[in-house]
Amino acid sequence: MTRYQVLYWQDVPSLVKVLSDDGGSVSHQLPDWFQQEIDRRAMEQGLIGSDEYLEQWHWGEQQERPESPDGLIEALITEFRSEPSN
């Protein structure tokens, strides 16, 4: 099992942190499309460069999946891209 946590801006994922059993972690930035979507939404909402923009970042709950860490990242990217809000 691979433990992980996702960093979101509002409901758009940006980064996946894979957690190891020894307490360490490795972060994986999602493809540019996700940051571009964050920027697009922030501009629409007038939040670029504001404290309110920064307040929109949050970590999701820690989760576990059966994939290897590399397989997990690819599976999550595919799932995130297919979600209706993205």
Protein backbone atom coordinates (compact mmCIF):
# COMPACT_ATOMS: atom_id res chain seq x y z
CA MET A 1 0.00 0.00 0.00
CA THR A 2 1.14 3.51 -0.79
CA ARG A 3 0.17 6.32 1.55
CA TYR A 4 -0.28 9.76 0.07
CA GLN A 5 -1.77 13.20 0.54
CA VAL A 6 -2.91 15.74 -2.07
CA LEU A 7 -2.44 19.51 -1.93
CA TYR A 8 -5.38 21.41 -3.42
CA TRP A 9 -6.16 24.98 -4.35
CA GLN A 10 -9.89 25.05 -3.72
CA ASP A 11 -10.85 21.75 -5.41
CA VAL A 12 -8.02 21.63 -7.98
CA PRO A 13 -5.15 19.26 -7.10
CA SER A 14 -1.62 20.61 -7.47
CA LEU A 15 0.79 18.25 -5.73
CA VAL A 16 0.84 14.68 -4.47
CA LYS A 17 2.99 13.85 -1.45
CA VAL A 18 3.88 10.15 -1.16
CA LEU A 19 4.52 9.22 2.46
CA SER A 20 7.02 6.56 3.53
CA ASP A 21 6.83 4.35 6.58
CA ASP A 22 9.89 6.04 8.11
CA GLY A 23 8.09 9.42 8.19
CA GLY A 24 9.73 10.83 5.06
CA SER A 25 7.90 12.01 1.97
CA VAL A 26 8.46 12.68 -1.71
CA SER A 27 6.41 15.36 -3.46
CA HIS A 28 5.28 15.09 -7.08
CA GLN A 29 4.11 18.25 -8.85
CA LEU A 30 1.17 17.50 -11.13
CA PRO A 31 1.43 18.46 -14.83
CA ASP A 32 1.25 22.14 -15.85
CA TRP A 33 -2.42 21.84 -16.80
CA PHE A 34 -3.39 21.77 -13.11
CA GLN A 35 -1.46 24.96 -12.25
CA GLN A 36 -2.90 26.65 -15.32
CA GLU A 37 -6.40 25.72 -14.15
CA ILE A 38 -5.64 27.10 -10.68
CA ASP A 39 -4.39 30.35 -12.23
CA ARG A 40 -7.43 30.60 -14.52
CA ARG A 41 -9.86 30.14 -11.63
CA ALA A 42 -7.94 32.54 -9.38
CA MET A 43 -8.04 35.23 -12.08
CA GLU A 44 -11.78 34.69 -12.63
CA GLN A 45 -12.31 35.15 -8.90
CA GLY A 46 -9.95 38.13 -8.62
CA LEU A 47 -7.68 36.34 -6.15
CA ILE A 48 -4.28 36.51 -7.88
CA GLY A 49 -1.65 37.99 -5.56
CA SER A 50 -3.95 38.24 -2.55
CA ASP A 51 -3.95 36.69 0.89
CA GLU A 52 -7.29 35.17 -0.03
CA TYR A 53 -5.52 33.26 -2.84
CA LEU A 54 -3.10 31.76 -0.32
CA GLU A 55 -5.94 30.84 2.01
CA GLN A 56 -7.42 28.56 -0.67
CA TRP A 57 -4.55 26.02 -0.39
CA HIS A 58 -5.23 22.97 1.76
CA TRP A 59 -4.10 19.38 2.20
CA GLY A 60 -6.55 16.55 1.70
CA GLU A 61 -6.66 13.69 4.16
CA GLN A 62 -3.98 11.02 4.08
CA GLN A 63 -5.11 8.06 2.01
CA GLU A 64 -3.81 4.66 0.92
CA ARG A 65 -3.92 2.84 -2.42
CA PRO A 66 -2.46 -0.44 -3.66
CA GLU A 67 -0.38 1.06 -6.49
CA SER A 68 3.38 1.59 -6.34
CA PRO A 69 4.35 5.24 -5.80
CA ASP A 70 5.01 5.81 -9.53
CA GLY A 71 1.84 3.96 -10.54
CA LEU A 72 -0.10 5.97 -7.97
CA ILE A 73 0.92 9.31 -9.47
CA GLU A 74 -0.09 8.25 -12.98
CA ALA A 75 -3.42 6.81 -11.76
CA LEU A 76 -4.24 9.96 -9.81
CA ILE A 77 -3.42 12.24 -12.76
CA THR A 78 -5.78 10.21 -14.94
CA GLU A 79 -8.53 10.31 -12.31
CA PHE A 80 -8.12 14.03 -11.58
CA ARG A 81 -8.33 14.88 -15.30
CA SER A 82 -11.54 12.87 -15.68
CA GLU A 83 -13.34 14.50 -12.74
CA PRO A 84 -16.21 16.80 -13.80
CA SER A 85 -14.77 19.89 -12.07
CA ASN A 86 -11.52 19.61 -14.03
